[in-house]
Amino acid sequence: MHHGFYDAGVAASMSDHRRAQIRMIEEALAFAAVPADDPEKKPKSVVDVGCGIGGSSRYLANKYGAQCYGITLSPVQAERGNALAAEQGLSDKASFQVADALEQPFPDGQFDLVWSMESGEHMPDKRKFVSELARVAAPGARIIIVTWCHRNLEPSENSLKPDELNLLKRICDAYYLPDWCSPSDYVKIAKLLSLEVSFSCSELLSEFLLRLEMFYT
């Protein structure tokens, strides 16, 4: 599931979805300052963790000419991703396999771009998830995680409010998700792993949650 990046306050239609998906990828790359114009610095080896049917991988392979490897728990998704790569003439650049994001089948330090688009929310062990992303990242690589989070807790709070917990439970039940964490939880994990952290929280999150609440009501 890849929601896309939409303009706040602007009505969107289904026909806008692909453009919004591409914009989401480009916004993430721009925020992380991934080099595009310098042949020496642009990504050459990419892992797409929780790749689905490989849309991000194929886009990155096209954009950078990089070698992209996607992993998913679904054999159906992996098969479809490889078929789409073949249809688009990208079999030599993008490949997909069944593998566990928490036990990746790659050696240490293999990738100069580590990519996770809306898959972190499916990971039952967030620290193990981030540690595996860090393990396969080469020195100086960029790790991009776009994921669902609940809000950060205030210093005076021990947990979310009851109505927030109820909403999250309904979302998790519907999408078979484990417990969520906050952006600050990801930052803490990254710092424990000695990663440099850049952080952005979408202004669309509150509107997105409102729409979900309306859907589940």
N, C-alpha and C. Protein backbone atom coordinates (compact mmCIF):
# COMPACT_ATOMS: atom_id res chain seq x y z
N MET A 1 0.85 -1.19 0.00
CA MET A 1 0.00 0.00 0.00
C MET A 1 0.89 1.24 0.00
N HIS A 2 0.73 2.08 -0.97
CA HIS A 2 1.56 3.27 -1.15
C HIS A 2 0.60 4.44 -1.34
N HIS A 3 0.46 5.26 -0.30
CA HIS A 3 -0.60 6.26 -0.29
C HIS A 3 -0.34 7.45 -1.20
N GLY A 4 0.90 7.90 -1.27
CA GLY A 4 1.19 9.06 -2.10
C GLY A 4 1.24 10.34 -1.30
N PHE A 5 1.77 11.38 -1.93
CA PHE A 5 1.94 12.70 -1.32
C PHE A 5 1.00 13.66 -2.02
N TYR A 6 0.00 14.13 -1.28
CA TYR A 6 -1.02 15.01 -1.85
C TYR A 6 -0.91 16.41 -1.25
N ASP A 7 -1.37 17.41 -1.97
CA ASP A 7 -1.39 18.77 -1.46
C ASP A 7 -2.47 18.90 -0.39
N ALA A 8 -2.11 19.51 0.73
CA ALA A 8 -3.06 19.70 1.83
C ALA A 8 -4.21 20.60 1.38
N GLY A 9 -5.43 20.22 1.73
CA GLY A 9 -6.59 21.05 1.45
C GLY A 9 -7.08 21.02 0.03
N VAL A 10 -6.47 20.17 -0.80
CA VAL A 10 -6.87 20.08 -2.21
C VAL A 10 -7.54 18.73 -2.44
N ALA A 11 -8.74 18.75 -3.00
CA ALA A 11 -9.46 17.51 -3.26
C ALA A 11 -8.69 16.67 -4.28
N ALA A 12 -8.58 15.37 -4.01
CA ALA A 12 -7.85 14.48 -4.90
C ALA A 12 -8.79 13.43 -5.45
N SER A 13 -8.48 12.95 -6.64
CA SER A 13 -9.27 11.90 -7.27
C SER A 13 -8.38 10.68 -7.50
N MET A 14 -8.99 9.57 -7.88
CA MET A 14 -8.22 8.36 -8.15
C MET A 14 -7.21 8.57 -9.28
N SER A 15 -7.54 9.45 -10.21
CA SER A 15 -6.63 9.70 -11.32
C SER A 15 -5.35 10.40 -10.87
N ASP A 16 -5.36 11.00 -9.68
CA ASP A 16 -4.17 11.67 -9.16
C ASP A 16 -3.23 10.71 -8.44
N HIS A 17 -3.65 9.45 -8.27
CA HIS A 17 -2.94 8.56 -7.35
C HIS A 17 -1.52 8.26 -7.80
N ARG A 18 -1.32 7.92 -9.07
CA ARG A 18 0.03 7.58 -9.53
C ARG A 18 0.96 8.79 -9.41
N ARG A 19 0.47 9.97 -9.79
CA ARG A 19 1.30 11.17 -9.66
C ARG A 19 1.68 11.41 -8.20
N ALA A 20 0.74 11.17 -7.29
CA ALA A 20 1.02 11.35 -5.88
C ALA A 20 2.02 10.32 -5.36
N GLN A 21 1.97 9.10 -5.88
CA GLN A 21 2.93 8.08 -5.49
C GLN A 21 4.34 8.47 -5.92
N ILE A 22 4.46 8.95 -7.15
CA ILE A 22 5.77 9.38 -7.65
C ILE A 22 6.28 10.57 -6.85
N ARG A 23 5.36 11.48 -6.54
CA ARG A 23 5.76 12.65 -5.75
C ARG A 23 6.24 12.22 -4.36
N MET A 24 5.60 11.21 -3.77
CA MET A 24 6.04 10.71 -2.47
C MET A 24 7.49 10.23 -2.53
N ILE A 25 7.80 9.49 -3.58
CA ILE A 25 9.18 9.01 -3.75
C ILE A 25 10.14 10.19 -3.89
N GLU A 26 9.78 11.15 -4.74
CA GLU A 26 10.65 12.29 -4.98
C GLU A 26 10.81 13.17 -3.74
N GLU A 27 9.73 13.35 -2.98
CA GLU A 27 9.81 14.13 -1.74
C GLU A 27 10.75 13.46 -0.74
N ALA A 28 10.67 12.13 -0.63
CA ALA A 28 11.54 11.40 0.29
C ALA A 28 13.01 11.52 -0.15
N LEU A 29 13.26 11.39 -1.44
CA LEU A 29 14.63 11.52 -1.95
C LEU A 29 15.16 12.93 -1.72
N ALA A 30 14.31 13.93 -1.95
CA ALA A 30 14.74 15.33 -1.78
C ALA A 30 15.02 15.62 -0.31
N PHE A 31 14.14 15.13 0.60
CA PHE A 31 14.35 15.38 2.01
C PHE A 31 15.66 14.77 2.49
N ALA A 32 15.97 13.58 1.98
CA ALA A 32 17.22 12.90 2.37
C ALA A 32 18.42 13.40 1.58
N ALA A 33 18.21 14.35 0.67
CA ALA A 33 19.30 14.93 -0.14
C ALA A 33 20.09 13.85 -0.87
N VAL A 34 19.36 12.92 -1.48
CA VAL A 34 20.02 11.86 -2.25
C VAL A 34 20.54 12.47 -3.55
N PRO A 35 21.83 12.38 -3.82
CA PRO A 35 22.38 12.99 -5.03
C PRO A 35 21.78 12.36 -6.29
N ALA A 36 21.49 13.19 -7.27
CA ALA A 36 20.93 12.69 -8.53
C ALA A 36 21.79 13.05 -9.73
N ASP A 37 22.47 14.20 -9.67
CA ASP A 37 23.19 14.71 -10.84
C ASP A 37 24.65 14.29 -10.89
N ASP A 38 25.22 13.96 -9.75
CA ASP A 38 26.63 13.61 -9.69
C ASP A 38 26.79 12.11 -9.93
N PRO A 39 27.38 11.70 -11.06
CA PRO A 39 27.51 10.27 -11.37
C PRO A 39 28.28 9.50 -10.31
N GLU A 40 29.19 10.17 -9.61
CA GLU A 40 30.00 9.49 -8.61
C GLU A 40 29.26 9.30 -7.29
N LYS A 41 28.29 10.17 -7.02
CA LYS A 41 27.63 10.15 -5.71
C LYS A 41 26.21 9.59 -5.74
N LYS A 42 25.58 9.50 -6.91
CA LYS A 42 24.22 9.00 -6.96
C LYS A 42 24.20 7.52 -6.59
N PRO A 43 23.07 7.01 -6.08
CA PRO A 43 23.02 5.60 -5.63
C PRO A 43 23.32 4.64 -6.77
N LYS A 44 24.09 3.63 -6.43
CA LYS A 44 24.42 2.59 -7.41
C LYS A 44 23.85 1.24 -7.00
N SER A 45 23.61 1.07 -5.70
CA SER A 45 23.09 -0.19 -5.18
C SER A 45 22.02 0.11 -4.13
N VAL A 46 20.80 -0.38 -4.37
CA VAL A 46 19.64 -0.03 -3.55
C VAL A 46 18.95 -1.29 -3.06
N VAL A 47 18.53 -1.30 -1.80
CA VAL A 47 17.64 -2.35 -1.31
C VAL A 47 16.30 -1.71 -0.95
N ASP A 48 15.24 -2.34 -1.40
CA ASP A 48 13.86 -1.89 -1.16
C ASP A 48 13.24 -2.89 -0.19
N VAL A 49 13.14 -2.51 1.07
CA VAL A 49 12.74 -3.43 2.14
C VAL A 49 11.23 -3.36 2.34
N GLY A 50 10.56 -4.48 2.09
CA GLY A 50 9.09 -4.48 2.07
C GLY A 50 8.62 -3.89 0.76
N CYS A 51 9.10 -4.46 -0.34
CA CYS A 51 8.99 -3.82 -1.66
C CYS A 51 7.62 -3.92 -2.30
N GLY A 52 6.72 -4.78 -1.79
CA GLY A 52 5.47 -4.99 -2.49
C GLY A 52 5.74 -5.56 -3.88
N ILE A 53 5.10 -5.00 -4.89
CA ILE A 53 5.35 -5.46 -6.26
C ILE A 53 6.43 -4.63 -6.95
N GLY A 54 7.16 -3.83 -6.18
CA GLY A 54 8.40 -3.26 -6.68
C GLY A 54 8.32 -1.93 -7.38
N GLY A 55 7.26 -1.17 -7.17
CA GLY A 55 7.14 0.12 -7.84
C GLY A 55 8.28 1.06 -7.52
N SER A 56 8.64 1.17 -6.24
CA SER A 56 9.74 2.06 -5.85
C SER A 56 11.05 1.60 -6.48
N SER A 57 11.31 0.30 -6.46
CA SER A 57 12.56 -0.22 -7.02
C SER A 57 12.68 0.10 -8.50
N ARG A 58 11.61 -0.11 -9.24
CA ARG A 58 11.68 0.16 -10.68
C ARG A 58 11.87 1.64 -10.94
N TYR A 59 11.23 2.49 -10.13
CA TYR A 59 11.40 3.92 -10.30
C TYR A 59 12.84 4.33 -10.01
N LEU A 60 13.41 3.81 -8.92
CA LEU A 60 14.78 4.15 -8.55
C LEU A 60 15.78 3.61 -9.56
N ALA A 61 15.52 2.41 -10.08
CA ALA A 61 16.40 1.85 -11.11
C ALA A 61 16.40 2.73 -12.35
N ASN A 62 15.23 3.21 -12.74
CA ASN A 62 15.12 4.10 -13.90
C ASN A 62 15.80 5.43 -13.64
N LYS A 63 15.56 5.99 -12.45
CA LYS A 63 16.05 7.33 -12.13
C LYS A 63 17.57 7.37 -12.03
N TYR A 64 18.14 6.38 -11.37
CA TYR A 64 19.57 6.42 -11.08
C TYR A 64 20.41 5.43 -11.90
N GLY A 65 19.75 4.50 -12.59
CA GLY A 65 20.51 3.44 -13.23
C GLY A 65 21.13 2.50 -12.22
N ALA A 66 20.53 2.45 -11.03
CA ALA A 66 21.08 1.67 -9.92
C ALA A 66 20.64 0.22 -10.00
N GLN A 67 21.40 -0.64 -9.32
CA GLN A 67 21.02 -2.04 -9.16
C GLN A 67 20.13 -2.11 -7.92
N CYS A 68 18.88 -2.54 -8.10
CA CYS A 68 17.90 -2.52 -7.02
C CYS A 68 17.46 -3.94 -6.67
N TYR A 69 17.43 -4.21 -5.38
CA TYR A 69 17.01 -5.52 -4.87
C TYR A 69 15.83 -5.30 -3.93
N GLY A 70 14.70 -5.91 -4.25
CA GLY A 70 13.52 -5.80 -3.40
C GLY A 70 13.26 -7.08 -2.63
N ILE A 71 12.85 -6.93 -1.38
CA ILE A 71 12.49 -8.11 -0.59
C ILE A 71 11.09 -7.95 -0.03
N THR A 72 10.35 -9.05 0.00
CA THR A 72 8.99 -9.09 0.50
C THR A 72 8.73 -10.47 1.07
N LEU A 73 7.75 -10.57 1.97
CA LEU A 73 7.36 -11.87 2.51
C LEU A 73 6.42 -12.63 1.57
N SER A 74 5.93 -11.94 0.53
CA SER A 74 4.92 -12.53 -0.34
C SER A 74 5.52 -13.08 -1.63
N PRO A 75 5.43 -14.39 -1.86
CA PRO A 75 5.89 -14.94 -3.14
C PRO A 75 5.11 -14.36 -4.33
N VAL A 76 3.85 -14.07 -4.13
CA VAL A 76 3.03 -13.49 -5.20
C VAL A 76 3.56 -12.12 -5.58
N GLN A 77 3.89 -11.30 -4.57
CA GLN A 77 4.43 -9.97 -4.86
C GLN A 77 5.78 -10.06 -5.56
N ALA A 78 6.64 -10.95 -5.09
CA ALA A 78 7.96 -11.09 -5.72
C ALA A 78 7.84 -11.52 -7.18
N GLU A 79 6.95 -12.47 -7.44
CA GLU A 79 6.75 -12.94 -8.81
C GLU A 79 6.22 -11.82 -9.69
N ARG A 80 5.26 -11.07 -9.18
CA ARG A 80 4.68 -9.96 -9.94
C ARG A 80 5.72 -8.86 -10.17
N GLY A 81 6.53 -8.58 -9.15
CA GLY A 81 7.56 -7.56 -9.30
C GLY A 81 8.56 -7.92 -10.38
N ASN A 82 9.00 -9.18 -10.41
CA ASN A 82 9.94 -9.62 -11.45
C ASN A 82 9.31 -9.59 -12.84
N ALA A 83 8.01 -9.92 -12.91
CA ALA A 83 7.33 -9.88 -14.20
C ALA A 83 7.23 -8.45 -14.72
N LEU A 84 6.90 -7.51 -13.83
CA LEU A 84 6.81 -6.10 -14.24
C LEU A 84 8.17 -5.55 -14.63
N ALA A 85 9.21 -5.95 -13.91
CA ALA A 85 10.56 -5.51 -14.28
C ALA A 85 10.92 -5.99 -15.68
N ALA A 86 10.55 -7.23 -15.99
CA ALA A 86 10.82 -7.78 -17.32
C ALA A 86 10.05 -7.02 -18.39
N GLU A 87 8.77 -6.74 -18.11
CA GLU A 87 7.94 -6.00 -19.08
C GLU A 87 8.52 -4.63 -19.38
N GLN A 88 9.15 -4.01 -18.38
CA GLN A 88 9.66 -2.65 -18.52
C GLN A 88 11.15 -2.62 -18.89
N GLY A 89 11.70 -3.78 -19.22
CA GLY A 89 13.10 -3.85 -19.63
C GLY A 89 14.08 -3.57 -18.51
N LEU A 90 13.70 -3.93 -17.28
CA LEU A 90 14.53 -3.63 -16.13
C LEU A 90 15.03 -4.89 -15.41
N SER A 91 14.93 -6.04 -16.04
CA SER A 91 15.34 -7.28 -15.38
C SER A 91 16.80 -7.26 -14.95
N ASP A 92 17.61 -6.50 -15.66
CA ASP A 92 19.04 -6.44 -15.31
C ASP A 92 19.30 -5.43 -14.21
N LYS A 93 18.28 -4.65 -13.83
CA LYS A 93 18.46 -3.60 -12.82
C LYS A 93 17.62 -3.81 -11.56
N ALA A 94 16.48 -4.47 -11.67
CA ALA A 94 15.58 -4.63 -10.52
C ALA A 94 15.17 -6.08 -10.39
N SER A 95 15.41 -6.66 -9.22
CA SER A 95 15.02 -8.04 -8.97
C SER A 95 14.39 -8.15 -7.59
N PHE A 96 13.52 -9.15 -7.44
CA PHE A 96 12.72 -9.27 -6.23
C PHE A 96 12.74 -10.69 -5.72
N GLN A 97 12.80 -10.83 -4.40
CA GLN A 97 12.86 -12.16 -3.80
C GLN A 97 12.11 -12.17 -2.47
N VAL A 98 11.77 -13.36 -2.04
CA VAL A 98 11.11 -13.54 -0.75
C VAL A 98 12.18 -13.55 0.34
N ALA A 99 12.05 -12.67 1.31
CA ALA A 99 13.02 -12.60 2.40
C ALA A 99 12.40 -11.83 3.56
N ASP A 100 12.94 -12.07 4.74
CA ASP A 100 12.48 -11.43 5.97
C ASP A 100 13.25 -10.14 6.19
N ALA A 101 12.54 -9.03 6.36
CA ALA A 101 13.19 -7.75 6.59
C ALA A 101 14.00 -7.75 7.88
N LEU A 102 13.65 -8.62 8.83
CA LEU A 102 14.35 -8.67 10.10
C LEU A 102 15.56 -9.60 10.06
N GLU A 103 15.72 -10.32 8.96
CA GLU A 103 16.88 -11.20 8.74
C GLU A 103 17.24 -11.14 7.26
N GLN A 104 17.75 -10.00 6.82
CA GLN A 104 17.97 -9.79 5.39
C GLN A 104 19.09 -10.70 4.85
N PRO A 105 18.93 -11.20 3.63
CA PRO A 105 19.90 -12.14 3.06
C PRO A 105 21.06 -11.45 2.35
N PHE A 106 21.51 -10.32 2.90
CA PHE A 106 22.58 -9.55 2.26
C PHE A 106 23.74 -9.37 3.23
N PRO A 107 24.95 -9.24 2.70
CA PRO A 107 26.10 -9.00 3.57
C PRO A 107 26.09 -7.59 4.14
N ASP A 108 26.89 -7.39 5.16
CA ASP A 108 27.01 -6.07 5.78
C ASP A 108 27.50 -5.05 4.75
N GLY A 109 26.95 -3.84 4.83
CA GLY A 109 27.48 -2.72 4.07
C GLY A 109 27.35 -2.82 2.56
N GLN A 110 26.30 -3.47 2.06
CA GLN A 110 26.20 -3.69 0.62
C GLN A 110 25.60 -2.51 -0.14
N PHE A 111 24.73 -1.71 0.50
CA PHE A 111 23.91 -0.75 -0.24
C PHE A 111 24.22 0.70 0.13
N ASP A 112 24.23 1.57 -0.90
CA ASP A 112 24.41 2.98 -0.60
C ASP A 112 23.09 3.74 -0.50
N LEU A 113 21.96 3.06 -0.78
CA LEU A 113 20.64 3.60 -0.47
C LEU A 113 19.78 2.45 0.06
N VAL A 114 19.29 2.63 1.28
CA VAL A 114 18.42 1.64 1.92
C VAL A 114 17.04 2.28 2.02
N TRP A 115 16.04 1.64 1.42
CA TRP A 115 14.73 2.26 1.18
C TRP A 115 13.62 1.41 1.81
N SER A 116 12.76 2.05 2.59
CA SER A 116 11.60 1.36 3.14
C SER A 116 10.39 2.29 3.02
N MET A 117 9.52 1.99 2.07
CA MET A 117 8.34 2.83 1.82
C MET A 117 7.11 2.15 2.40
N GLU A 118 6.62 2.67 3.53
CA GLU A 118 5.38 2.20 4.13
C GLU A 118 5.39 0.69 4.40
N SER A 119 6.50 0.23 4.97
CA SER A 119 6.57 -1.17 5.40
C SER A 119 6.91 -1.29 6.88
N GLY A 120 7.50 -0.25 7.47
CA GLY A 120 7.92 -0.32 8.86
C GLY A 120 6.77 -0.60 9.82
N GLU A 121 5.57 -0.15 9.47
CA GLU A 121 4.43 -0.39 10.35
C GLU A 121 4.07 -1.87 10.46
N HIS A 122 4.56 -2.67 9.53
CA HIS A 122 4.29 -4.11 9.57
C HIS A 122 5.32 -4.87 10.40
N MET A 123 6.36 -4.20 10.85
CA MET A 123 7.45 -4.89 11.54
C MET A 123 7.15 -5.02 13.03
N PRO A 124 7.14 -6.25 13.57
CA PRO A 124 6.81 -6.43 14.98
C PRO A 124 7.91 -5.97 15.92
N ASP A 125 9.16 -5.93 15.43
CA ASP A 125 10.29 -5.52 16.26
C ASP A 125 10.98 -4.35 15.56
N LYS A 126 10.63 -3.13 15.98
CA LYS A 126 11.11 -1.94 15.28
C LYS A 126 12.63 -1.78 15.41
N ARG A 127 13.17 -2.12 16.59
CA ARG A 127 14.62 -1.98 16.75
C ARG A 127 15.36 -2.96 15.83
N LYS A 128 14.90 -4.18 15.76
CA LYS A 128 15.54 -5.15 14.87
C LYS A 128 15.42 -4.71 13.42
N PHE A 129 14.26 -4.17 13.07
CA PHE A 129 14.02 -3.65 11.71
C PHE A 129 15.05 -2.59 11.35
N VAL A 130 15.20 -1.57 12.20
CA VAL A 130 16.13 -0.49 11.90
C VAL A 130 17.57 -0.99 11.95
N SER A 131 17.88 -1.89 12.87
CA SER A 131 19.25 -2.40 12.95
C SER A 131 19.64 -3.18 11.70
N GLU A 132 18.68 -3.89 11.08
CA GLU A 132 18.98 -4.59 9.83
C GLU A 132 19.17 -3.60 8.68
N LEU A 133 18.37 -2.52 8.66
CA LEU A 133 18.59 -1.49 7.66
C LEU A 133 19.99 -0.91 7.79
N ALA A 134 20.40 -0.67 9.03
CA ALA A 134 21.72 -0.10 9.27
C ALA A 134 22.82 -1.10 8.91
N ARG A 135 22.59 -2.37 9.19
CA ARG A 135 23.62 -3.39 8.92
C ARG A 135 23.97 -3.49 7.45
N VAL A 136 22.95 -3.44 6.58
CA VAL A 136 23.21 -3.62 5.15
C VAL A 136 23.61 -2.32 4.45
N ALA A 137 23.57 -1.20 5.19
CA ALA A 137 23.94 0.09 4.62
C ALA A 137 25.46 0.25 4.61
N ALA A 138 25.98 0.73 3.50
CA ALA A 138 27.41 1.01 3.41
C ALA A 138 27.75 2.26 4.23
N PRO A 139 29.00 2.45 4.61
CA PRO A 139 29.38 3.69 5.31
C PRO A 139 29.00 4.91 4.48
N GLY A 140 28.30 5.84 5.11
CA GLY A 140 27.86 7.04 4.42
C GLY A 140 26.59 6.89 3.62
N ALA A 141 25.99 5.70 3.65
CA ALA A 141 24.74 5.47 2.90
C ALA A 141 23.59 6.24 3.54
N ARG A 142 22.54 6.43 2.76
CA ARG A 142 21.31 7.02 3.27
C ARG A 142 20.27 5.93 3.50
N ILE A 143 19.61 6.02 4.64
CA ILE A 143 18.52 5.11 4.98
C ILE A 143 17.24 5.93 5.03
N ILE A 144 16.27 5.59 4.19
CA ILE A 144 15.01 6.33 4.13
C ILE A 144 13.88 5.42 4.61
N ILE A 145 13.20 5.85 5.67
CA ILE A 145 12.05 5.11 6.21
C ILE A 145 10.83 6.02 6.14
N VAL A 146 9.87 5.63 5.33
CA VAL A 146 8.57 6.32 5.30
C VAL A 146 7.56 5.34 5.89
N THR A 147 6.98 5.69 7.03
CA THR A 147 6.17 4.71 7.73
C THR A 147 5.07 5.37 8.55
N TRP A 148 4.08 4.59 8.91
CA TRP A 148 3.01 5.06 9.79
C TRP A 148 3.51 5.12 11.22
N CYS A 149 3.22 6.21 11.90
CA CYS A 149 3.56 6.36 13.31
C CYS A 149 2.39 7.01 14.03
N HIS A 150 2.28 6.74 15.33
CA HIS A 150 1.37 7.56 16.12
C HIS A 150 2.13 8.79 16.60
N ARG A 151 1.42 9.74 17.16
CA ARG A 151 2.05 11.01 17.56
C ARG A 151 3.04 10.78 18.71
N ASN A 152 3.96 11.73 18.84
CA ASN A 152 4.87 11.70 19.98
C ASN A 152 4.10 12.01 21.27
N LEU A 153 4.46 11.35 22.34
CA LEU A 153 3.84 11.62 23.63
C LEU A 153 4.41 12.90 24.23
N GLU A 154 3.57 13.61 24.96
CA GLU A 154 4.03 14.77 25.72
C GLU A 154 4.81 14.28 26.94
N PRO A 155 5.70 15.11 27.48
CA PRO A 155 6.47 14.70 28.66
C PRO A 155 5.60 14.24 29.83
N SER A 156 4.39 14.78 29.92
CA SER A 156 3.51 14.43 31.04
C SER A 156 2.69 13.16 30.79
N GLU A 157 2.80 12.58 29.58
CA GLU A 157 1.97 11.43 29.21
C GLU A 157 2.74 10.12 29.30
N ASN A 158 2.02 9.08 29.71
CA ASN A 158 2.57 7.73 29.71
C ASN A 158 2.06 6.91 28.53
N SER A 159 0.96 7.36 27.92
CA SER A 159 0.39 6.64 26.78
C SER A 159 -0.49 7.58 26.00
N LEU A 160 -0.97 7.10 24.85
CA LEU A 160 -1.94 7.86 24.07
C LEU A 160 -3.26 7.94 24.82
N LYS A 161 -4.13 8.82 24.36
CA LYS A 161 -5.45 8.97 24.97
C LYS A 161 -6.33 7.77 24.60
N PRO A 162 -7.32 7.45 25.42
CA PRO A 162 -8.18 6.29 25.14
C PRO A 162 -8.80 6.29 23.76
N ASP A 163 -9.27 7.46 23.29
CA ASP A 163 -9.88 7.48 21.96
C ASP A 163 -8.85 7.24 20.87
N GLU A 164 -7.61 7.70 21.09
CA GLU A 164 -6.54 7.44 20.12
C GLU A 164 -6.17 5.96 20.10
N LEU A 165 -6.08 5.36 21.28
CA LEU A 165 -5.77 3.94 21.36
C LEU A 165 -6.86 3.10 20.68
N ASN A 166 -8.11 3.52 20.86
CA ASN A 166 -9.22 2.80 20.24
C ASN A 166 -9.15 2.88 18.72
N LEU A 167 -8.83 4.06 18.21
CA LEU A 167 -8.71 4.23 16.76
C LEU A 167 -7.56 3.38 16.21
N LEU A 168 -6.42 3.43 16.88
CA LEU A 168 -5.27 2.65 16.41
C LEU A 168 -5.56 1.16 16.45
N LYS A 169 -6.28 0.70 17.47
CA LYS A 169 -6.61 -0.72 17.54
C LYS A 169 -7.46 -1.14 16.35
N ARG A 170 -8.40 -0.30 15.98
CA ARG A 170 -9.25 -0.63 14.83
C ARG A 170 -8.45 -0.67 13.54
N ILE A 171 -7.49 0.26 13.40
CA ILE A 171 -6.64 0.26 12.21
C ILE A 171 -5.77 -1.00 12.19
N CYS A 172 -5.17 -1.32 13.33
CA CYS A 172 -4.30 -2.50 13.41
C CYS A 172 -5.08 -3.79 13.15
N ASP A 173 -6.29 -3.87 13.68
CA ASP A 173 -7.11 -5.05 13.45
C ASP A 173 -7.46 -5.18 11.97
N ALA A 174 -7.75 -4.05 11.33
CA ALA A 174 -8.16 -4.08 9.92
C ALA A 174 -7.00 -4.46 9.00
N TYR A 175 -5.79 -3.97 9.31
CA TYR A 175 -4.63 -4.19 8.44
C TYR A 175 -3.66 -5.23 8.98
N TYR A 176 -4.04 -5.92 10.06
CA TYR A 176 -3.19 -6.96 10.65
C TYR A 176 -1.81 -6.41 11.01
N LEU A 177 -1.80 -5.27 11.68
CA LEU A 177 -0.54 -4.60 12.04
C LEU A 177 -0.19 -4.86 13.50
N PRO A 178 1.11 -4.95 13.79
CA PRO A 178 1.54 -4.97 15.19
C PRO A 178 1.42 -3.58 15.79
N ASP A 179 1.86 -3.43 17.03
CA ASP A 179 1.78 -2.13 17.69
C ASP A 179 2.58 -1.08 16.93
N TRP A 180 2.05 0.14 16.94
CA TRP A 180 2.75 1.27 16.33
C TRP A 180 3.77 1.85 17.31
N CYS A 181 4.64 2.69 16.79
CA CYS A 181 5.49 3.50 17.66
C CYS A 181 5.44 4.95 17.16
N SER A 182 6.11 5.83 17.86
CA SER A 182 6.10 7.24 17.49
C SER A 182 7.36 7.59 16.68
N PRO A 183 7.36 8.74 16.01
CA PRO A 183 8.59 9.17 15.34
C PRO A 183 9.77 9.28 16.30
N SER A 184 9.51 9.77 17.51
CA SER A 184 10.61 9.90 18.47
C SER A 184 11.18 8.54 18.86
N ASP A 185 10.35 7.49 18.83
CA ASP A 185 10.86 6.14 19.09
C ASP A 185 11.86 5.73 18.01
N TYR A 186 11.54 6.04 16.75
CA TYR A 186 12.48 5.74 15.67
C TYR A 186 13.78 6.52 15.83
N VAL A 187 13.65 7.78 16.24
CA VAL A 187 14.84 8.60 16.45
C VAL A 187 15.72 8.00 17.54
N LYS A 188 15.11 7.54 18.62
CA LYS A 188 15.87 6.93 19.72
C LYS A 188 16.61 5.68 19.23
N ILE A 189 15.92 4.86 18.45
CA ILE A 189 16.56 3.65 17.92
C ILE A 189 17.74 4.02 17.03
N ALA A 190 17.53 5.00 16.15
CA ALA A 190 18.59 5.41 15.23
C ALA A 190 19.81 5.93 16.00
N LYS A 191 19.57 6.69 17.05
CA LYS A 191 20.69 7.23 17.83
C LYS A 191 21.43 6.12 18.56
N LEU A 192 20.69 5.12 19.04
CA LEU A 192 21.33 3.98 19.69
C LEU A 192 22.24 3.23 18.74
N LEU A 193 21.90 3.28 17.45
CA LEU A 193 22.70 2.62 16.42
C LEU A 193 23.76 3.55 15.82
N SER A 194 23.90 4.73 16.44
CA SER A 194 24.91 5.73 16.01
C SER A 194 24.65 6.24 14.60
N LEU A 195 23.36 6.31 14.22
CA LEU A 195 23.00 6.88 12.93
C LEU A 195 22.75 8.38 13.08
N GLU A 196 23.05 9.13 12.03
CA GLU A 196 22.69 10.54 12.00
C GLU A 196 21.24 10.65 11.57
N VAL A 197 20.46 11.48 12.28
CA VAL A 197 19.02 11.49 12.09
C VAL A 197 18.55 12.78 11.44
N SER A 198 17.78 12.64 10.36
CA SER A 198 16.99 13.74 9.81
C SER A 198 15.54 13.30 9.90
N PHE A 199 14.66 14.19 10.33
CA PHE A 199 13.30 13.78 10.64
C PHE A 199 12.30 14.77 10.07
N SER A 200 11.22 14.24 9.49
CA SER A 200 10.12 15.07 9.02
C SER A 200 8.81 14.36 9.29
N CYS A 201 7.86 15.07 9.85
CA CYS A 201 6.53 14.51 10.10
C CYS A 201 5.53 15.21 9.19
N SER A 202 4.86 14.44 8.35
CA SER A 202 3.96 15.02 7.36
C SER A 202 2.84 15.81 8.00
N GLU A 203 2.58 17.00 7.46
CA GLU A 203 1.46 17.80 7.93
C GLU A 203 0.12 17.15 7.59
N LEU A 204 0.17 16.15 6.71
CA LEU A 204 -1.07 15.50 6.30
C LEU A 204 -1.50 14.40 7.27
N LEU A 205 -0.68 14.11 8.29
CA LEU A 205 -0.98 12.99 9.17
C LEU A 205 -2.31 13.16 9.89
N SER A 206 -2.55 14.37 10.42
CA SER A 206 -3.79 14.56 11.17
C SER A 206 -5.00 14.42 10.25
N GLU A 207 -4.90 14.93 9.02
CA GLU A 207 -6.00 14.79 8.07
C GLU A 207 -6.20 13.33 7.69
N PHE A 208 -5.10 12.60 7.52
CA PHE A 208 -5.17 11.18 7.19
C PHE A 208 -5.86 10.40 8.30
N LEU A 209 -5.48 10.66 9.55
CA LEU A 209 -6.09 9.96 10.67
C LEU A 209 -7.57 10.33 10.81
N LEU A 210 -7.89 11.57 10.52
CA LEU A 210 -9.29 11.99 10.57
C LEU A 210 -10.11 11.21 9.54
N ARG A 211 -9.57 11.05 8.34
CA ARG A 211 -10.28 10.30 7.31
C ARG A 211 -10.44 8.84 7.72
N LEU A 212 -9.39 8.28 8.34
CA LEU A 212 -9.49 6.91 8.83
C LEU A 212 -10.57 6.79 9.91
N GLU A 213 -10.60 7.78 10.80
CA GLU A 213 -11.59 7.74 11.88
C GLU A 213 -13.00 7.79 11.30
N MET A 214 -13.18 8.63 10.28
CA MET A 214 -14.49 8.71 9.64
C MET A 214 -14.84 7.39 8.98
N PHE A 215 -13.82 6.73 8.40
CA PHE A 215 -14.04 5.45 7.72
C PHE A 215 -14.46 4.39 8.72
N TYR A 216 -13.82 4.37 9.89
CA TYR A 216 -14.10 3.32 10.87
C TYR A 216 -15.31 3.62 11.74
N THR A 217 -15.75 4.85 11.78
CA THR A 217 -16.90 5.20 12.61
C THR A 217 -18.17 4.54 12.09
